Amino acid sequence: MAVEFTDANFKETVLDNEGLSVIDFWAEWCGPCRMISPIVQELAEHYDGKVQIGKLNVDDNPEVSMQYGIRSIPTILFIKNGEVVHKHVGATTKQVLEAKIEENL
């Protein structure tokens, strides 16, 4: 199950996490976001226990979105040990995301 990241839990769940976190910045009204949502869910299930994968709604959580300069959605951040190691902007395939996850494990 994909984690729901928020302004309130981001520091604790992502920045203080020793390991890889993959955050999908999205919004309800965003068509491409809805297209990749099932992919994010599949990856969350596949990497359960190895990688923390989830979503952050930019409309409901403006602080984290502004902190990372999210201007277009979907944007997917790969954060390892509190540092951004990769940023992907726009819709993409499961294979592309999987390759980035494997590269950063």
PDB file of N, CA and C in Angstrom:
ATOM      1  N   MET A   1       0.839  -1.197   0.000  1.00  0.00           N
ATOM      2  CA  MET A   1       0.000   0.000   0.000  1.00  0.00           C
ATOM      3  C   MET A   1       0.878   1.253   0.000  1.00  0.00           C
ATOM      4  N   ALA A   2       0.567   2.190  -0.869  1.00  0.00           N
ATOM      5  CA  ALA A   2       1.326   3.435  -0.945  1.00  0.00           C
ATOM      6  C   ALA A   2       1.090   4.275   0.316  1.00  0.00           C
ATOM      7  N   VAL A   3       2.158   4.875   0.806  1.00  0.00           N
ATOM      8  CA  VAL A   3       2.104   5.729   1.986  1.00  0.00           C
ATOM      9  C   VAL A   3       1.506   7.076   1.593  1.00  0.00           C
ATOM     10  N   GLU A   4       0.750   7.691   2.486  1.00  0.00           N
ATOM     11  CA  GLU A   4       0.262   9.043   2.235  1.00  0.00           C
ATOM     12  C   GLU A   4       1.167  10.014   2.983  1.00  0.00           C
ATOM     13  N   PHE A   5       1.998  10.728   2.215  1.00  0.00           N
ATOM     14  CA  PHE A   5       2.890  11.715   2.803  1.00  0.00           C
ATOM     15  C   PHE A   5       2.156  13.042   2.936  1.00  0.00           C
ATOM     16  N   THR A   6       2.463  13.791   3.997  1.00  0.00           N
ATOM     17  CA  THR A   6       1.839  15.091   4.239  1.00  0.00           C
ATOM     18  C   THR A   6       2.901  16.070   4.742  1.00  0.00           C
ATOM     19  N   ASP A   7       2.516  17.349   4.801  1.00  0.00           N
ATOM     20  CA  ASP A   7       3.414  18.340   5.406  1.00  0.00           C
ATOM     21  C   ASP A   7       3.755  17.934   6.836  1.00  0.00           C
ATOM     22  N   ALA A   8       2.778  17.379   7.542  1.00  0.00           N
ATOM     23  CA  ALA A   8       2.948  17.037   8.956  1.00  0.00           C
ATOM     24  C   ALA A   8       3.863  15.832   9.183  1.00  0.00           C
ATOM     25  N   ASN A   9       3.822  14.833   8.274  1.00  0.00           N
ATOM     26  CA  ASN A   9       4.614  13.630   8.533  1.00  0.00           C
ATOM     27  C   ASN A   9       5.865  13.501   7.664  1.00  0.00           C
ATOM     28  N   PHE A  10       6.132  14.455   6.783  1.00  0.00           N
ATOM     29  CA  PHE A  10       7.208  14.318   5.805  1.00  0.00           C
ATOM     30  C   PHE A  10       8.586  14.192   6.450  1.00  0.00           C
ATOM     31  N   LYS A  11       8.887  15.041   7.416  1.00  0.00           N
ATOM     32  CA  LYS A  11      10.207  14.978   8.059  1.00  0.00           C
ATOM     33  C   LYS A  11      10.420  13.618   8.713  1.00  0.00           C
ATOM     34  N   GLU A  12       9.450  13.194   9.467  1.00  0.00           N
ATOM     35  CA  GLU A  12       9.565  11.931  10.202  1.00  0.00           C
ATOM     36  C   GLU A  12       9.611  10.722   9.271  1.00  0.00           C
ATOM     37  N   THR A  13       8.741  10.692   8.259  1.00  0.00           N
ATOM     38  CA  THR A  13       8.636   9.497   7.416  1.00  0.00           C
ATOM     39  C   THR A  13       9.628   9.461   6.266  1.00  0.00           C
ATOM     40  N   VAL A  14      10.082  10.628   5.794  1.00  0.00           N
ATOM     41  CA  VAL A  14      10.984  10.642   4.643  1.00  0.00           C
ATOM     42  C   VAL A  14      12.387  11.108   5.025  1.00  0.00           C
ATOM     43  N   LEU A  15      12.492  12.306   5.568  1.00  0.00           N
ATOM     44  CA  LEU A  15      13.818  12.875   5.821  1.00  0.00           C
ATOM     45  C   LEU A  15      14.583  12.136   6.909  1.00  0.00           C
ATOM     46  N   ASP A  16      13.885  11.632   7.917  1.00  0.00           N
ATOM     47  CA  ASP A  16      14.545  10.892   8.994  1.00  0.00           C
ATOM     48  C   ASP A  16      14.668   9.403   8.683  1.00  0.00           C
ATOM     49  N   ASN A  17      14.188   8.982   7.524  1.00  0.00           N
ATOM     50  CA  ASN A  17      14.217   7.573   7.123  1.00  0.00           C
ATOM     51  C   ASN A  17      15.594   7.221   6.560  1.00  0.00           C
ATOM     52  N   GLU A  18      16.190   6.174   7.078  1.00  0.00           N
ATOM     53  CA  GLU A  18      17.453   5.697   6.526  1.00  0.00           C
ATOM     54  C   GLU A  18      17.133   4.703   5.427  1.00  0.00           C
ATOM     55  N   GLY A  19      17.181   5.152   4.227  1.00  0.00           N
ATOM     56  CA  GLY A  19      16.841   4.314   3.085  1.00  0.00           C
ATOM     57  C   GLY A  19      16.204   5.155   2.004  1.00  0.00           C
ATOM     58  N   LEU A  20      15.643   4.483   1.032  1.00  0.00           N
ATOM     59  CA  LEU A  20      15.062   5.162  -0.124  1.00  0.00           C
ATOM     60  C   LEU A  20      13.571   5.391   0.060  1.00  0.00           C
ATOM     61  N   SER A  21      13.146   6.614  -0.249  1.00  0.00           N
ATOM     62  CA  SER A  21      11.735   6.964  -0.296  1.00  0.00           C
ATOM     63  C   SER A  21      11.439   7.495  -1.695  1.00  0.00           C
ATOM     64  N   VAL A  22      10.308   7.091  -2.254  1.00  0.00           N
ATOM     65  CA  VAL A  22       9.881   7.565  -3.569  1.00  0.00           C
ATOM     66  C   VAL A  22       8.556   8.273  -3.363  1.00  0.00           C
ATOM     67  N   ILE A  23       8.535   9.580  -3.700  1.00  0.00           N
ATOM     68  CA  ILE A  23       7.355  10.404  -3.432  1.00  0.00           C
ATOM     69  C   ILE A  23       6.763  10.896  -4.746  1.00  0.00           C
ATOM     70  N   ASP A  24       5.508  10.567  -4.956  1.00  0.00           N
ATOM     71  CA  ASP A  24       4.763  11.015  -6.129  1.00  0.00           C
ATOM     72  C   ASP A  24       3.976  12.263  -5.726  1.00  0.00           C
ATOM     73  N   PHE A  25       4.388  13.427  -6.240  1.00  0.00           N
ATOM     74  CA  PHE A  25       3.661  14.679  -6.005  1.00  0.00           C
ATOM     75  C   PHE A  25       2.547  14.741  -7.045  1.00  0.00           C
ATOM     76  N   TRP A  26       1.302  14.850  -6.579  1.00  0.00           N
ATOM     77  CA  TRP A  26       0.142  14.736  -7.463  1.00  0.00           C
ATOM     78  C   TRP A  26      -0.988  15.644  -6.995  1.00  0.00           C
ATOM     79  N   ALA A  27      -2.055  15.684  -7.802  1.00  0.00           N
ATOM     80  CA  ALA A  27      -3.300  16.374  -7.435  1.00  0.00           C
ATOM     81  C   ALA A  27      -4.466  15.642  -8.088  1.00  0.00           C
ATOM     82  N   GLU A  28      -5.622  15.751  -7.466  1.00  0.00           N
ATOM     83  CA  GLU A  28      -6.836  15.067  -7.928  1.00  0.00           C
ATOM     84  C   GLU A  28      -7.201  15.448  -9.365  1.00  0.00           C
ATOM     85  N   TRP A  29      -7.012  16.704  -9.729  1.00  0.00           N
ATOM     86  CA  TRP A  29      -7.427  17.225 -11.022  1.00  0.00           C
ATOM     87  C   TRP A  29      -6.439  16.931 -12.157  1.00  0.00           C
ATOM     88  N   CYS A  30      -5.311  16.319 -11.836  1.00  0.00           N
ATOM     89  CA  CYS A  30      -4.218  16.117 -12.802  1.00  0.00           C
ATOM     90  C   CYS A  30      -4.385  14.784 -13.540  1.00  0.00           C
ATOM     91  N   GLY A  31      -4.657  14.846 -14.849  1.00  0.00           N
ATOM     92  CA  GLY A  31      -4.837  13.646 -15.665  1.00  0.00           C
ATOM     93  C   GLY A  31      -3.622  12.729 -15.681  1.00  0.00           C
ATOM     94  N   PRO A  32      -2.423  13.248 -16.005  1.00  0.00           N
ATOM     95  CA  PRO A  32      -1.232  12.383 -15.997  1.00  0.00           C
ATOM     96  C   PRO A  32      -0.969  11.766 -14.612  1.00  0.00           C
ATOM     97  N   CYS A  33      -1.331  12.487 -13.543  1.00  0.00           N
ATOM     98  CA  CYS A  33      -1.162  11.944 -12.190  1.00  0.00           C
ATOM     99  C   CYS A  33      -2.038  10.707 -12.009  1.00  0.00           C
ATOM    100  N   ARG A  34      -3.251  10.779 -12.511  1.00  0.00           N
ATOM    101  CA  ARG A  34      -4.164   9.632 -12.405  1.00  0.00           C
ATOM    102  C   ARG A  34      -3.667   8.462 -13.249  1.00  0.00           C
ATOM    103  N   MET A  35      -2.975   8.760 -14.344  1.00  0.00           N
ATOM    104  CA  MET A  35      -2.434   7.703 -15.193  1.00  0.00           C
ATOM    105  C   MET A  35      -1.336   6.910 -14.479  1.00  0.00           C
ATOM    106  N   ILE A  36      -0.481   7.584 -13.733  1.00  0.00           N
ATOM    107  CA  ILE A  36       0.630   6.866 -13.098  1.00  0.00           C
ATOM    108  C   ILE A  36       0.289   6.365 -11.695  1.00  0.00           C
ATOM    109  N   SER A  37      -0.847   6.746 -11.175  1.00  0.00           N
ATOM    110  CA  SER A  37      -1.236   6.308  -9.833  1.00  0.00           C
ATOM    111  C   SER A  37      -1.220   4.786  -9.657  1.00  0.00           C
ATOM    112  N   PRO A  38      -1.777   4.007 -10.611  1.00  0.00           N
ATOM    113  CA  PRO A  38      -1.717   2.546 -10.449  1.00  0.00           C
ATOM    114  C   PRO A  38      -0.282   2.008 -10.464  1.00  0.00           C
ATOM    115  N   ILE A  39       0.596   2.660 -11.224  1.00  0.00           N
ATOM    116  CA  ILE A  39       2.007   2.252 -11.277  1.00  0.00           C
ATOM    117  C   ILE A  39       2.655   2.457  -9.916  1.00  0.00           C
ATOM    118  N   VAL A  40       2.395   3.610  -9.309  1.00  0.00           N
ATOM    119  CA  VAL A  40       2.944   3.910  -7.989  1.00  0.00           C
ATOM    120  C   VAL A  40       2.447   2.875  -6.977  1.00  0.00           C
ATOM    121  N   GLN A  41       1.182   2.538  -7.064  1.00  0.00           N
ATOM    122  CA  GLN A  41       0.603   1.541  -6.162  1.00  0.00           C
ATOM    123  C   GLN A  41       1.259   0.174  -6.343  1.00  0.00           C
ATOM    124  N   GLU A  42       1.444  -0.237  -7.594  1.00  0.00           N
ATOM    125  CA  GLU A  42       2.093  -1.524  -7.886  1.00  0.00           C
ATOM    126  C   GLU A  42       3.509  -1.565  -7.326  1.00  0.00           C
ATOM    127  N   LEU A  43       4.250  -0.478  -7.536  1.00  0.00           N
ATOM    128  CA  LEU A  43       5.627  -0.422  -7.038  1.00  0.00           C
ATOM    129  C   LEU A  43       5.665  -0.454  -5.515  1.00  0.00           C
ATOM    130  N   ALA A  44       4.710   0.224  -4.883  1.00  0.00           N
ATOM    131  CA  ALA A  44       4.637   0.225  -3.418  1.00  0.00           C
ATOM    132  C   ALA A  44       4.436  -1.188  -2.888  1.00  0.00           C
ATOM    133  N   GLU A  45       3.594  -1.959  -3.563  1.00  0.00           N
ATOM    134  CA  GLU A  45       3.350  -3.336  -3.143  1.00  0.00           C
ATOM    135  C   GLU A  45       4.562  -4.220  -3.413  1.00  0.00           C
ATOM    136  N   HIS A  46       5.180  -4.036  -4.579  1.00  0.00           N
ATOM    137  CA  HIS A  46       6.333  -4.847  -4.972  1.00  0.00           C
ATOM    138  C   HIS A  46       7.536  -4.619  -4.051  1.00  0.00           C
ATOM    139  N   TYR A  47       7.770  -3.370  -3.670  1.00  0.00           N
ATOM    140  CA  TYR A  47       8.939  -3.022  -2.859  1.00  0.00           C
ATOM    141  C   TYR A  47       8.610  -2.860  -1.376  1.00  0.00           C
ATOM    142  N   ASP A  48       7.452  -3.358  -0.961  1.00  0.00           N
ATOM    143  CA  ASP A  48       7.044  -3.254   0.443  1.00  0.00           C
ATOM    144  C   ASP A  48       8.118  -3.841   1.353  1.00  0.00           C
ATOM    145  N   GLY A  49       8.533  -3.054   2.349  1.00  0.00           N
ATOM    146  CA  GLY A  49       9.564  -3.502   3.272  1.00  0.00           C
ATOM    147  C   GLY A  49      10.978  -3.159   2.831  1.00  0.00           C
ATOM    148  N   LYS A  50      11.150  -2.764   1.557  1.00  0.00           N
ATOM    149  CA  LYS A  50      12.476  -2.413   1.042  1.00  0.00           C
ATOM    150  C   LYS A  50      12.598  -0.922   0.751  1.00  0.00           C
ATOM    151  N   VAL A  51      11.522  -0.359   0.178  1.00  0.00           N
ATOM    152  CA  VAL A  51      11.501   1.045  -0.225  1.00  0.00           C
ATOM    153  C   VAL A  51      10.169   1.629   0.229  1.00  0.00           C
ATOM    154  N   GLN A  52      10.227   2.840   0.726  1.00  0.00           N
ATOM    155  CA  GLN A  52       9.006   3.538   1.138  1.00  0.00           C
ATOM    156  C   GLN A  52       8.484   4.318  -0.071  1.00  0.00           C
ATOM    157  N   ILE A  53       7.329   3.939  -0.587  1.00  0.00           N
ATOM    158  CA  ILE A  53       6.775   4.565  -1.786  1.00  0.00           C
ATOM    159  C   ILE A  53       5.393   5.107  -1.458  1.00  0.00           C
ATOM    160  N   GLY A  54       5.150   6.357  -1.855  1.00  0.00           N
ATOM    161  CA  GLY A  54       3.853   6.943  -1.571  1.00  0.00           C
ATOM    162  C   GLY A  54       3.591   8.209  -2.349  1.00  0.00           C
ATOM    163  N   LYS A  55       2.512   8.882  -1.942  1.00  0.00           N
ATOM    164  CA  LYS A  55       2.006  10.040  -2.669  1.00  0.00           C
ATOM    165  C   LYS A  55       1.857  11.238  -1.738  1.00  0.00           C
ATOM    166  N   LEU A  56       2.031  12.422  -2.303  1.00  0.00           N
ATOM    167  CA  LEU A  56       1.829  13.661  -1.565  1.00  0.00           C
ATOM    168  C   LEU A  56       0.957  14.573  -2.426  1.00  0.00           C
ATOM    169  N   ASN A  57      -0.238  14.888  -1.939  1.00  0.00           N
ATOM    170  CA  ASN A  57      -1.165  15.755  -2.666  1.00  0.00           C
ATOM    171  C   ASN A  57      -0.690  17.207  -2.529  1.00  0.00           C
ATOM    172  N   VAL A  58      -0.329  17.828  -3.662  1.00  0.00           N
ATOM    173  CA  VAL A  58       0.234  19.180  -3.623  1.00  0.00           C
ATOM    174  C   VAL A  58      -0.782  20.231  -3.187  1.00  0.00           C
ATOM    175  N   ASP A  59      -2.062  19.988  -3.451  1.00  0.00           N
ATOM    176  CA  ASP A  59      -3.098  20.946  -3.044  1.00  0.00           C
ATOM    177  C   ASP A  59      -3.271  20.957  -1.526  1.00  0.00           C
ATOM    178  N   ASP A  60      -3.147  19.799  -0.903  1.00  0.00           N
ATOM    179  CA  ASP A  60      -3.345  19.683   0.539  1.00  0.00           C
ATOM    180  C   ASP A  60      -2.063  19.908   1.344  1.00  0.00           C
ATOM    181  N   ASN A  61      -0.907  19.862   0.679  1.00  0.00           N
ATOM    182  CA  ASN A  61       0.379  19.944   1.371  1.00  0.00           C
ATOM    183  C   ASN A  61       1.330  20.907   0.665  1.00  0.00           C
ATOM    184  N   PRO A  62       1.048  22.200   0.745  1.00  0.00           N
ATOM    185  CA  PRO A  62       1.847  23.176   0.000  1.00  0.00           C
ATOM    186  C   PRO A  62       3.265  23.385   0.544  1.00  0.00           C
ATOM    187  N   GLU A  63       3.497  23.138   1.826  1.00  0.00           N
ATOM    188  CA  GLU A  63       4.818  23.404   2.410  1.00  0.00           C
ATOM    189  C   GLU A  63       5.905  22.538   1.779  1.00  0.00           C
ATOM    190  N   VAL A  64       5.697  21.231   1.766  1.00  0.00           N
ATOM    191  CA  VAL A  64       6.699  20.323   1.199  1.00  0.00           C
ATOM    192  C   VAL A  64       6.840  20.579  -0.297  1.00  0.00           C
ATOM    193  N   SER A  65       5.727  20.815  -0.966  1.00  0.00           N
ATOM    194  CA  SER A  65       5.764  21.088  -2.403  1.00  0.00           C
ATOM    195  C   SER A  65       6.620  22.314  -2.701  1.00  0.00           C
ATOM    196  N   MET A  66       6.458  23.375  -1.923  1.00  0.00           N
ATOM    197  CA  MET A  66       7.259  24.588  -2.113  1.00  0.00           C
ATOM    198  C   MET A  66       8.715  24.352  -1.740  1.00  0.00           C
ATOM    199  N   GLN A  67       8.943  23.610  -0.673  1.00  0.00           N
ATOM    200  CA  GLN A  67      10.304  23.322  -0.209  1.00  0.00           C
ATOM    201  C   GLN A  67      11.135  22.654  -1.303  1.00  0.00           C
ATOM    202  N   TYR A  68      10.513  21.788  -2.088  1.00  0.00           N
ATOM    203  CA  TYR A  68      11.225  21.068  -3.147  1.00  0.00           C
ATOM    204  C   TYR A  68      11.010  21.670  -4.529  1.00  0.00           C
ATOM    205  N   GLY A  69      10.384  22.838  -4.602  1.00  0.00           N
ATOM    206  CA  GLY A  69      10.221  23.547  -5.866  1.00  0.00           C
ATOM    207  C   GLY A  69       9.392  22.788  -6.885  1.00  0.00           C
ATOM    208  N   ILE A  70       8.342  22.124  -6.416  1.00  0.00           N
ATOM    209  CA  ILE A  70       7.482  21.359  -7.318  1.00  0.00           C
ATOM    210  C   ILE A  70       6.609  22.348  -8.102  1.00  0.00           C
ATOM    211  N   ARG A  71       6.857  22.447  -9.408  1.00  0.00           N
ATOM    212  CA  ARG A  71       6.114  23.379 -10.257  1.00  0.00           C
ATOM    213  C   ARG A  71       5.209  22.665 -11.246  1.00  0.00           C
ATOM    214  N   SER A  72       5.545  21.426 -11.566  1.00  0.00           N
ATOM    215  CA  SER A  72       4.746  20.619 -12.494  1.00  0.00           C
ATOM    216  C   SER A  72       4.453  19.289 -11.828  1.00  0.00           C
ATOM    217  N   ILE A  73       3.278  18.764 -12.116  1.00  0.00           N
ATOM    218  CA  ILE A  73       2.950  17.442 -11.597  1.00  0.00           C
ATOM    219  C   ILE A  73       2.470  16.564 -12.743  1.00  0.00           C
ATOM    220  N   PRO A  74       2.677  15.280 -12.673  1.00  0.00           N
ATOM    221  CA  PRO A  74       3.337  14.595 -11.573  1.00  0.00           C
ATOM    222  C   PRO A  74       4.849  14.832 -11.563  1.00  0.00           C
ATOM    223  N   THR A  75       5.387  14.957 -10.361  1.00  0.00           N
ATOM    224  CA  THR A  75       6.828  14.961 -10.138  1.00  0.00           C
ATOM    225  C   THR A  75       7.103  13.860  -9.136  1.00  0.00           C
ATOM    226  N   ILE A  76       8.110  13.064  -9.424  1.00  0.00           N
ATOM    227  CA  ILE A  76       8.467  11.981  -8.520  1.00  0.00           C
ATOM    228  C   ILE A  76       9.878  12.235  -8.008  1.00  0.00           C
ATOM    229  N   LEU A  77       9.997  12.365  -6.686  1.00  0.00           N
ATOM    230  CA  LEU A  77      11.293  12.549  -6.052  1.00  0.00           C
ATOM    231  C   LEU A  77      11.763  11.237  -5.459  1.00  0.00           C
ATOM    232  N   PHE A  78      13.046  10.974  -5.615  1.00  0.00           N
ATOM    233  CA  PHE A  78      13.697   9.834  -4.991  1.00  0.00           C
ATOM    234  C   PHE A  78      14.609  10.423  -3.919  1.00  0.00           C
ATOM    235  N   ILE A  79      14.289  10.163  -2.673  1.00  0.00           N
ATOM    236  CA  ILE A  79      15.051  10.717  -1.554  1.00  0.00           C
ATOM    237  C   ILE A  79      15.671   9.566  -0.781  1.00  0.00           C
ATOM    238  N   LYS A  80      16.998   9.621  -0.652  1.00  0.00           N
ATOM    239  CA  LYS A  80      17.725   8.566   0.063  1.00  0.00           C
ATOM    240  C   LYS A  80      18.492   9.209   1.210  1.00  0.00           C
ATOM    241  N   ASN A  81      18.253   8.708   2.407  1.00  0.00           N
ATOM    242  CA  ASN A  81      18.914   9.225   3.606  1.00  0.00           C
ATOM    243  C   ASN A  81      18.769  10.746   3.723  1.00  0.00           C
ATOM    244  N   GLY A  82      17.587  11.252   3.382  1.00  0.00           N
ATOM    245  CA  GLY A  82      17.279  12.669   3.533  1.00  0.00           C
ATOM    246  C   GLY A  82      17.698  13.559   2.383  1.00  0.00           C
ATOM    247  N   GLU A  83      18.356  13.001   1.355  1.00  0.00           N
ATOM    248  CA  GLU A  83      18.843  13.794   0.226  1.00  0.00           C
ATOM    249  C   GLU A  83      18.154  13.367  -1.076  1.00  0.00           C
ATOM    250  N   VAL A  84      17.792  14.348  -1.917  1.00  0.00           N
ATOM    251  CA  VAL A  84      17.206  14.039  -3.221  1.00  0.00           C
ATOM    252  C   VAL A  84      18.297  13.443  -4.112  1.00  0.00           C
ATOM    253  N   VAL A  85      18.067  12.213  -4.596  1.00  0.00           N
ATOM    254  CA  VAL A  85      19.035  11.560  -5.476  1.00  0.00           C
ATOM    255  C   VAL A  85      18.558  11.534  -6.928  1.00  0.00           C
ATOM    256  N   HIS A  86      17.264  11.781  -7.144  1.00  0.00           N
ATOM    257  CA  HIS A  86      16.737  11.843  -8.509  1.00  0.00           C
ATOM    258  C   HIS A  86      15.373  12.535  -8.486  1.00  0.00           C
ATOM    259  N   LYS A  87      15.085  13.245  -9.582  1.00  0.00           N
ATOM    260  CA  LYS A  87      13.796  13.916  -9.723  1.00  0.00           C
ATOM    261  C   LYS A  87      13.280  13.636 -11.122  1.00  0.00           C
ATOM    262  N   HIS A  88      12.065  13.112 -11.226  1.00  0.00           N
ATOM    263  CA  HIS A  88      11.445  12.846 -12.524  1.00  0.00           C
ATOM    264  C   HIS A  88      10.179  13.682 -12.635  1.00  0.00           C
ATOM    265  N   VAL A  89      10.091  14.483 -13.693  1.00  0.00           N
ATOM    266  CA  VAL A  89       8.917  15.323 -13.915  1.00  0.00           C
ATOM    267  C   VAL A  89       8.131  14.778 -15.099  1.00  0.00           C
ATOM    268  N   GLY A  90       6.825  14.594 -14.905  1.00  0.00           N
ATOM    269  CA  GLY A  90       5.951  14.123 -15.971  1.00  0.00           C
ATOM    270  C   GLY A  90       5.620  12.649 -15.833  1.00  0.00           C
ATOM    271  N   ALA A  91       4.634  12.230 -16.606  1.00  0.00           N
ATOM    272  CA  ALA A  91       4.214  10.826 -16.596  1.00  0.00           C
ATOM    273  C   ALA A  91       5.346   9.965 -17.149  1.00  0.00           C
ATOM    274  N   THR A  92       5.404   8.737 -16.685  1.00  0.00           N
ATOM    275  CA  THR A  92       6.461   7.834 -17.110  1.00  0.00           C
ATOM    276  C   THR A  92       5.967   6.403 -17.021  1.00  0.00           C
ATOM    277  N   THR A  93       6.843   5.472 -17.334  1.00  0.00           N
ATOM    278  CA  THR A  93       6.472   4.057 -17.305  1.00  0.00           C
ATOM    279  C   THR A  93       6.948   3.396 -16.017  1.00  0.00           C
ATOM    280  N   LYS A  94       6.372   2.258 -15.739  1.00  0.00           N
ATOM    281  CA  LYS A  94       6.777   1.475 -14.577  1.00  0.00           C
ATOM    282  C   LYS A  94       8.254   1.071 -14.699  1.00  0.00           C
ATOM    283  N   GLN A  95       8.675   0.727 -15.908  1.00  0.00           N
ATOM    284  CA  GLN A  95      10.056   0.293 -16.124  1.00  0.00           C
ATOM    285  C   GLN A  95      11.066   1.387 -15.777  1.00  0.00           C
ATOM    286  N   VAL A  96      10.761   2.621 -16.141  1.00  0.00           N
ATOM    287  CA  VAL A  96      11.661   3.742 -15.842  1.00  0.00           C
ATOM    288  C   VAL A  96      11.786   3.933 -14.335  1.00  0.00           C
ATOM    289  N   LEU A  97      10.659   3.913 -13.643  1.00  0.00           N
ATOM    290  CA  LEU A  97      10.675   4.100 -12.193  1.00  0.00           C
ATOM    291  C   LEU A  97      11.367   2.938 -11.492  1.00  0.00           C
ATOM    292  N   GLU A  98      11.102   1.728 -11.958  1.00  0.00           N
ATOM    293  CA  GLU A  98      11.734   0.540 -11.375  1.00  0.00           C
ATOM    294  C   GLU A  98      13.249   0.600 -11.522  1.00  0.00           C
ATOM    295  N   ALA A  99      13.712   1.028 -12.687  1.00  0.00           N
ATOM    296  CA  ALA A  99      15.156   1.130 -12.931  1.00  0.00           C
ATOM    297  C   ALA A  99      15.795   2.130 -11.964  1.00  0.00           C
ATOM    298  N   LYS A 100      15.125   3.269 -11.736  1.00  0.00           N
ATOM    299  CA  LYS A 100      15.659   4.274 -10.809  1.00  0.00           C
ATOM    300  C   LYS A 100      15.668   3.761  -9.380  1.00  0.00           C
ATOM    301  N   ILE A 101      14.627   3.009  -9.004  1.00  0.00           N
ATOM    302  CA  ILE A 101      14.577   2.434  -7.659  1.00  0.00           C
ATOM    303  C   ILE A 101      15.742   1.467  -7.482  1.00  0.00           C
ATOM    304  N   GLU A 102      15.922   0.552  -8.452  1.00  0.00           N
ATOM    305  CA  GLU A 102      16.989  -0.445  -8.362  1.00  0.00           C
ATOM    306  C   GLU A 102      18.364   0.222  -8.304  1.00  0.00           C
ATOM    307  N   GLU A 103      18.520   1.292  -9.078  1.00  0.00           N
ATOM    308  CA  GLU A 103      19.782   2.030  -9.110  1.00  0.00           C
ATOM    309  C   GLU A 103      20.124   2.651  -7.746  1.00  0.00           C
ATOM    310  N   ASN A 104      19.102   2.996  -6.978  1.00  0.00           N
ATOM    311  CA  ASN A 104      19.306   3.698  -5.710  1.00  0.00           C
ATOM    312  C   ASN A 104      19.121   2.839  -4.465  1.00  0.00           C
ATOM    313  N   LEU A 105      18.897   1.545  -4.645  1.00  0.00           N
ATOM    314  CA  LEU A 105      18.747   0.667  -3.477  1.00  0.00           C
ATOM    315  C   LEU A 105      20.053   0.495  -2.733  1.00  0.00           C
TER     316      LEU A 105
END
